Amino acid sequence: MTDLMTALALVLVIEGLAWAGFPEAMKRMMAQVLVMPPDLLRGIGLFMAILGLGGVWLVRAAFVAP
């Protein structure tokens, strides 16, 4: 559970840095997302989830002792 909470906190850090560093670009990106079809957003979300899962798997395999 600690790992999950840490991961969620890191998501907030990354999102916060993006909004703090590039507010206008983030607003433009959000405007583009609003006009995208739901199926495309769903596909992008699924792809990102699989990519993230693969990243976690690689990190755990490389840095956590078996």
PDB file of N, CA and C in Angstrom:
ATOM      1  N   MET A   1       0.821  -1.199   0.000  1.00  0.00           N
ATOM      2  CA  MET A   1       0.000   0.000   0.000  1.00  0.00           C
ATOM      3  C   MET A   1       0.864   1.261   0.000  1.00  0.00           C
ATOM      4  N   THR A   2       2.030   1.156   0.642  1.00  0.00           N
ATOM      5  CA  THR A   2       2.937   2.300   0.674  1.00  0.00           C
ATOM      6  C   THR A   2       3.418   2.644  -0.729  1.00  0.00           C
ATOM      7  N   ASP A   3       3.705   1.622  -1.522  1.00  0.00           N
ATOM      8  CA  ASP A   3       4.155   1.868  -2.896  1.00  0.00           C
ATOM      9  C   ASP A   3       3.080   2.569  -3.720  1.00  0.00           C
ATOM     10  N   LEU A   4       1.832   2.153  -3.541  1.00  0.00           N
ATOM     11  CA  LEU A   4       0.727   2.785  -4.268  1.00  0.00           C
ATOM     12  C   LEU A   4       0.589   4.254  -3.891  1.00  0.00           C
ATOM     13  N   MET A   5       0.637   4.535  -2.622  1.00  0.00           N
ATOM     14  CA  MET A   5       0.516   5.925  -2.167  1.00  0.00           C
ATOM     15  C   MET A   5       1.692   6.770  -2.661  1.00  0.00           C
ATOM     16  N   THR A   6       2.880   6.183  -2.669  1.00  0.00           N
ATOM     17  CA  THR A   6       4.053   6.882  -3.188  1.00  0.00           C
ATOM     18  C   THR A   6       3.887   7.176  -4.677  1.00  0.00           C
ATOM     19  N   ALA A   7       3.400   6.201  -5.422  1.00  0.00           N
ATOM     20  CA  ALA A   7       3.187   6.390  -6.863  1.00  0.00           C
ATOM     21  C   ALA A   7       2.166   7.491  -7.130  1.00  0.00           C
ATOM     22  N   LEU A   8       1.075   7.490  -6.376  1.00  0.00           N
ATOM     23  CA  LEU A   8       0.060   8.534  -6.559  1.00  0.00           C
ATOM     24  C   LEU A   8       0.611   9.919  -6.199  1.00  0.00           C
ATOM     25  N   ALA A   9       1.420   9.984  -5.155  1.00  0.00           N
ATOM     26  CA  ALA A   9       2.040  11.254  -4.781  1.00  0.00           C
ATOM     27  C   ALA A   9       2.983  11.740  -5.876  1.00  0.00           C
ATOM     28  N   LEU A  10       3.728  10.831  -6.492  1.00  0.00           N
ATOM     29  CA  LEU A  10       4.629  11.220  -7.582  1.00  0.00           C
ATOM     30  C   LEU A  10       3.857  11.714  -8.801  1.00  0.00           C
ATOM     31  N   VAL A  11       2.700  11.129  -9.056  1.00  0.00           N
ATOM     32  CA  VAL A  11       1.849  11.620 -10.145  1.00  0.00           C
ATOM     33  C   VAL A  11       1.468  13.081  -9.876  1.00  0.00           C
ATOM     34  N   LEU A  12       1.093  13.379  -8.649  1.00  0.00           N
ATOM     35  CA  LEU A  12       0.742  14.754  -8.297  1.00  0.00           C
ATOM     36  C   LEU A  12       1.931  15.701  -8.440  1.00  0.00           C
ATOM     37  N   VAL A  13       3.124  15.238  -8.072  1.00  0.00           N
ATOM     38  CA  VAL A  13       4.324  16.067  -8.228  1.00  0.00           C
ATOM     39  C   VAL A  13       4.564  16.376  -9.697  1.00  0.00           C
ATOM     40  N   ILE A  14       4.496  15.362 -10.542  1.00  0.00           N
ATOM     41  CA  ILE A  14       4.756  15.554 -11.973  1.00  0.00           C
ATOM     42  C   ILE A  14       3.693  16.457 -12.594  1.00  0.00           C
ATOM     43  N   GLU A  15       2.425  16.208 -12.265  1.00  0.00           N
ATOM     44  CA  GLU A  15       1.353  17.062 -12.789  1.00  0.00           C
ATOM     45  C   GLU A  15       1.526  18.502 -12.315  1.00  0.00           C
ATOM     46  N   GLY A  16       1.839  18.664 -11.046  1.00  0.00           N
ATOM     47  CA  GLY A  16       2.027  20.013 -10.502  1.00  0.00           C
ATOM     48  C   GLY A  16       3.166  20.748 -11.173  1.00  0.00           C
ATOM     49  N   LEU A  17       4.275  20.044 -11.421  1.00  0.00           N
ATOM     50  CA  LEU A  17       5.402  20.680 -12.096  1.00  0.00           C
ATOM     51  C   LEU A  17       5.046  21.085 -13.525  1.00  0.00           C
ATOM     52  N   ALA A  18       4.283  20.246 -14.206  1.00  0.00           N
ATOM     53  CA  ALA A  18       3.874  20.578 -15.578  1.00  0.00           C
ATOM     54  C   ALA A  18       2.996  21.831 -15.592  1.00  0.00           C
ATOM     55  N   TRP A  19       2.018  21.894 -14.677  1.00  0.00           N
ATOM     56  CA  TRP A  19       1.133  23.060 -14.623  1.00  0.00           C
ATOM     57  C   TRP A  19       1.867  24.310 -14.161  1.00  0.00           C
ATOM     58  N   ALA A  20       2.801  24.162 -13.221  1.00  0.00           N
ATOM     59  CA  ALA A  20       3.559  25.317 -12.728  1.00  0.00           C
ATOM     60  C   ALA A  20       4.547  25.821 -13.774  1.00  0.00           C
ATOM     61  N   GLY A  21       5.150  24.916 -14.511  1.00  0.00           N
ATOM     62  CA  GLY A  21       6.174  25.311 -15.470  1.00  0.00           C
ATOM     63  C   GLY A  21       5.645  25.755 -16.817  1.00  0.00           C
ATOM     64  N   PHE A  22       4.529  25.175 -17.250  1.00  0.00           N
ATOM     65  CA  PHE A  22       4.011  25.439 -18.598  1.00  0.00           C
ATOM     66  C   PHE A  22       2.492  25.612 -18.583  1.00  0.00           C
ATOM     67  N   PRO A  23       1.979  26.612 -17.869  1.00  0.00           N
ATOM     68  CA  PRO A  23       0.516  26.723 -17.744  1.00  0.00           C
ATOM     69  C   PRO A  23      -0.213  26.950 -19.078  1.00  0.00           C
ATOM     70  N   GLU A  24       0.352  27.759 -19.944  1.00  0.00           N
ATOM     71  CA  GLU A  24      -0.324  28.032 -21.216  1.00  0.00           C
ATOM     72  C   GLU A  24      -0.338  26.790 -22.107  1.00  0.00           C
ATOM     73  N   ALA A  25       0.764  26.073 -22.153  1.00  0.00           N
ATOM     74  CA  ALA A  25       0.827  24.847 -22.954  1.00  0.00           C
ATOM     75  C   ALA A  25      -0.150  23.805 -22.410  1.00  0.00           C
ATOM     76  N   MET A  26      -0.270  23.714 -21.088  1.00  0.00           N
ATOM     77  CA  MET A  26      -1.203  22.762 -20.480  1.00  0.00           C
ATOM     78  C   MET A  26      -2.649  23.140 -20.812  1.00  0.00           C
ATOM     79  N   LYS A  27      -2.962  24.432 -20.817  1.00  0.00           N
ATOM     80  CA  LYS A  27      -4.308  24.866 -21.183  1.00  0.00           C
ATOM     81  C   LYS A  27      -4.621  24.525 -22.636  1.00  0.00           C
ATOM     82  N   ARG A  28      -3.634  24.720 -23.522  1.00  0.00           N
ATOM     83  CA  ARG A  28      -3.839  24.371 -24.935  1.00  0.00           C
ATOM     84  C   ARG A  28      -4.044  22.868 -25.096  1.00  0.00           C
ATOM     85  N   MET A  29      -3.266  22.091 -24.354  1.00  0.00           N
ATOM     86  CA  MET A  29      -3.398  20.642 -24.437  1.00  0.00           C
ATOM     87  C   MET A  29      -4.774  20.201 -23.948  1.00  0.00           C
ATOM     88  N   MET A  30      -5.253  20.784 -22.861  1.00  0.00           N
ATOM     89  CA  MET A  30      -6.579  20.425 -22.340  1.00  0.00           C
ATOM     90  C   MET A  30      -7.681  20.792 -23.339  1.00  0.00           C
ATOM     91  N   ALA A  31      -7.514  21.912 -24.026  1.00  0.00           N
ATOM     92  CA  ALA A  31      -8.496  22.311 -25.037  1.00  0.00           C
ATOM     93  C   ALA A  31      -8.522  21.295 -26.180  1.00  0.00           C
ATOM     94  N   GLN A  32      -7.365  20.772 -26.556  1.00  0.00           N
ATOM     95  CA  GLN A  32      -7.299  19.761 -27.611  1.00  0.00           C
ATOM     96  C   GLN A  32      -7.937  18.455 -27.157  1.00  0.00           C
ATOM     97  N   VAL A  33      -7.738  18.108 -25.902  1.00  0.00           N
ATOM     98  CA  VAL A  33      -8.307  16.865 -25.368  1.00  0.00           C
ATOM     99  C   VAL A  33      -9.835  16.934 -25.381  1.00  0.00           C
ATOM    100  N   LEU A  34     -10.396  18.094 -25.115  1.00  0.00           N
ATOM    101  CA  LEU A  34     -11.855  18.240 -25.069  1.00  0.00           C
ATOM    102  C   LEU A  34     -12.529  17.918 -26.404  1.00  0.00           C
ATOM    103  N   VAL A  35     -11.839  18.111 -27.511  1.00  0.00           N
ATOM    104  CA  VAL A  35     -12.459  17.860 -28.815  1.00  0.00           C
ATOM    105  C   VAL A  35     -12.104  16.484 -29.385  1.00  0.00           C
ATOM    106  N   MET A  36     -11.307  15.713 -28.668  1.00  0.00           N
ATOM    107  CA  MET A  36     -10.942  14.375 -29.142  1.00  0.00           C
ATOM    108  C   MET A  36     -12.099  13.403 -28.918  1.00  0.00           C
ATOM    109  N   PRO A  37     -12.288  12.466 -29.832  1.00  0.00           N
ATOM    110  CA  PRO A  37     -13.350  11.476 -29.648  1.00  0.00           C
ATOM    111  C   PRO A  37     -13.045  10.544 -28.464  1.00  0.00           C
ATOM    112  N   PRO A  38     -14.087  10.114 -27.754  1.00  0.00           N
ATOM    113  CA  PRO A  38     -13.886   9.252 -26.582  1.00  0.00           C
ATOM    114  C   PRO A  38     -13.119   7.965 -26.878  1.00  0.00           C
ATOM    115  N   ASP A  39     -13.343   7.362 -28.028  1.00  0.00           N
ATOM    116  CA  ASP A  39     -12.631   6.126 -28.362  1.00  0.00           C
ATOM    117  C   ASP A  39     -11.125   6.352 -28.478  1.00  0.00           C
ATOM    118  N   LEU A  40     -10.732   7.488 -29.013  1.00  0.00           N
ATOM    119  CA  LEU A  40      -9.304   7.808 -29.116  1.00  0.00           C
ATOM    120  C   LEU A  40      -8.707   8.013 -27.725  1.00  0.00           C
ATOM    121  N   LEU A  41      -9.411   8.742 -26.874  1.00  0.00           N
ATOM    122  CA  LEU A  41      -8.942   8.951 -25.505  1.00  0.00           C
ATOM    123  C   LEU A  41      -8.839   7.623 -24.757  1.00  0.00           C
ATOM    124  N   ARG A  42      -9.803   6.751 -24.964  1.00  0.00           N
ATOM    125  CA  ARG A  42      -9.783   5.436 -24.315  1.00  0.00           C
ATOM    126  C   ARG A  42      -8.569   4.633 -24.786  1.00  0.00           C
ATOM    127  N   GLY A  43      -8.292   4.665 -26.067  1.00  0.00           N
ATOM    128  CA  GLY A  43      -7.139   3.955 -26.613  1.00  0.00           C
ATOM    129  C   GLY A  43      -5.825   4.503 -26.081  1.00  0.00           C
ATOM    130  N   ILE A  44      -5.719   5.824 -26.016  1.00  0.00           N
ATOM    131  CA  ILE A  44      -4.510   6.447 -25.477  1.00  0.00           C
ATOM    132  C   ILE A  44      -4.344   6.072 -24.008  1.00  0.00           C
ATOM    133  N   GLY A  45      -5.442   6.114 -23.256  1.00  0.00           N
ATOM    134  CA  GLY A  45      -5.379   5.750 -21.840  1.00  0.00           C
ATOM    135  C   GLY A  45      -4.956   4.308 -21.640  1.00  0.00           C
ATOM    136  N   LEU A  46      -5.493   3.404 -22.455  1.00  0.00           N
ATOM    137  CA  LEU A  46      -5.128   1.993 -22.350  1.00  0.00           C
ATOM    138  C   LEU A  46      -3.656   1.786 -22.702  1.00  0.00           C
ATOM    139  N   PHE A  47      -3.209   2.449 -23.753  1.00  0.00           N
ATOM    140  CA  PHE A  47      -1.805   2.359 -24.144  1.00  0.00           C
ATOM    141  C   PHE A  47      -0.889   2.863 -23.033  1.00  0.00           C
ATOM    142  N   MET A  48      -1.229   3.995 -22.423  1.00  0.00           N
ATOM    143  CA  MET A  48      -0.410   4.548 -21.347  1.00  0.00           C
ATOM    144  C   MET A  48      -0.410   3.638 -20.126  1.00  0.00           C
ATOM    145  N   ALA A  49      -1.557   3.022 -19.820  1.00  0.00           N
ATOM    146  CA  ALA A  49      -1.623   2.097 -18.688  1.00  0.00           C
ATOM    147  C   ALA A  49      -0.725   0.889 -18.931  1.00  0.00           C
ATOM    148  N   ILE A  50      -0.746   0.345 -20.139  1.00  0.00           N
ATOM    149  CA  ILE A  50       0.110  -0.800 -20.470  1.00  0.00           C
ATOM    150  C   ILE A  50       1.577  -0.392 -20.435  1.00  0.00           C
ATOM    151  N   LEU A  51       1.876   0.787 -20.953  1.00  0.00           N
ATOM    152  CA  LEU A  51       3.245   1.297 -20.919  1.00  0.00           C
ATOM    153  C   LEU A  51       3.718   1.469 -19.472  1.00  0.00           C
ATOM    154  N   GLY A  52       2.875   2.024 -18.626  1.00  0.00           N
ATOM    155  CA  GLY A  52       3.220   2.186 -17.213  1.00  0.00           C
ATOM    156  C   GLY A  52       3.415   0.858 -16.512  1.00  0.00           C
ATOM    157  N   LEU A  53       2.555  -0.099 -16.793  1.00  0.00           N
ATOM    158  CA  LEU A  53       2.683  -1.426 -16.199  1.00  0.00           C
ATOM    159  C   LEU A  53       4.003  -2.074 -16.619  1.00  0.00           C
ATOM    160  N   GLY A  54       4.354  -1.932 -17.884  1.00  0.00           N
ATOM    161  CA  GLY A  54       5.636  -2.449 -18.353  1.00  0.00           C
ATOM    162  C   GLY A  54       6.807  -1.762 -17.671  1.00  0.00           C
ATOM    163  N   GLY A  55       6.693  -0.457 -17.453  1.00  0.00           N
ATOM    164  CA  GLY A  55       7.750   0.271 -16.757  1.00  0.00           C
ATOM    165  C   GLY A  55       7.912  -0.197 -15.321  1.00  0.00           C
ATOM    166  N   VAL A  56       6.805  -0.396 -14.626  1.00  0.00           N
ATOM    167  CA  VAL A  56       6.871  -0.906 -13.255  1.00  0.00           C
ATOM    168  C   VAL A  56       7.499  -2.293 -13.240  1.00  0.00           C
ATOM    169  N   TRP A  57       7.101  -3.130 -14.169  1.00  0.00           N
ATOM    170  CA  TRP A  57       7.652  -4.481 -14.247  1.00  0.00           C
ATOM    171  C   TRP A  57       9.165  -4.441 -14.467  1.00  0.00           C
ATOM    172  N   LEU A  58       9.629  -3.579 -15.387  1.00  0.00           N
ATOM    173  CA  LEU A  58      11.052  -3.478 -15.655  1.00  0.00           C
ATOM    174  C   LEU A  58      11.834  -2.966 -14.443  1.00  0.00           C
ATOM    175  N   VAL A  59      11.300  -1.933 -13.789  1.00  0.00           N
ATOM    176  CA  VAL A  59      11.978  -1.378 -12.622  1.00  0.00           C
ATOM    177  C   VAL A  59      12.033  -2.399 -11.501  1.00  0.00           C
ATOM    178  N   ARG A  60      10.930  -3.084 -11.247  1.00  0.00           N
ATOM    179  CA  ARG A  60      10.905  -4.092 -10.179  1.00  0.00           C
ATOM    180  C   ARG A  60      11.850  -5.245 -10.502  1.00  0.00           C
ATOM    181  N   ALA A  61      11.923  -5.633 -11.751  1.00  0.00           N
ATOM    182  CA  ALA A  61      12.795  -6.748 -12.132  1.00  0.00           C
ATOM    183  C   ALA A  61      14.272  -6.339 -12.022  1.00  0.00           C
ATOM    184  N   ALA A  62      14.573  -5.089 -12.290  1.00  0.00           N
ATOM    185  CA  ALA A  62      15.960  -4.647 -12.303  1.00  0.00           C
ATOM    186  C   ALA A  62      16.493  -4.261 -10.925  1.00  0.00           C
ATOM    187  N   PHE A  63      15.634  -3.722 -10.051  1.00  0.00           N
ATOM    188  CA  PHE A  63      16.135  -3.134  -8.812  1.00  0.00           C
ATOM    189  C   PHE A  63      15.667  -3.814  -7.531  1.00  0.00           C
ATOM    190  N   VAL A  64      14.756  -4.752  -7.609  1.00  0.00           N
ATOM    191  CA  VAL A  64      14.286  -5.421  -6.414  1.00  0.00           C
ATOM    192  C   VAL A  64      14.889  -6.833  -6.392  1.00  0.00           C
ATOM    193  N   ALA A  65      15.536  -7.155  -5.310  1.00  0.00           N
ATOM    194  CA  ALA A  65      16.178  -8.463  -5.201  1.00  0.00           C
ATOM    195  C   ALA A  65      15.131  -9.569  -5.200  1.00  0.00           C
ATOM    196  N   PRO A  66      15.384 -10.643  -5.953  1.00  0.00           N
ATOM    197  CA  PRO A  66      14.407 -11.744  -6.013  1.00  0.00           C
ATOM    198  C   PRO A  66      14.315 -12.515  -4.710  1.00  0.00           C
TER     199      PRO A  66
END
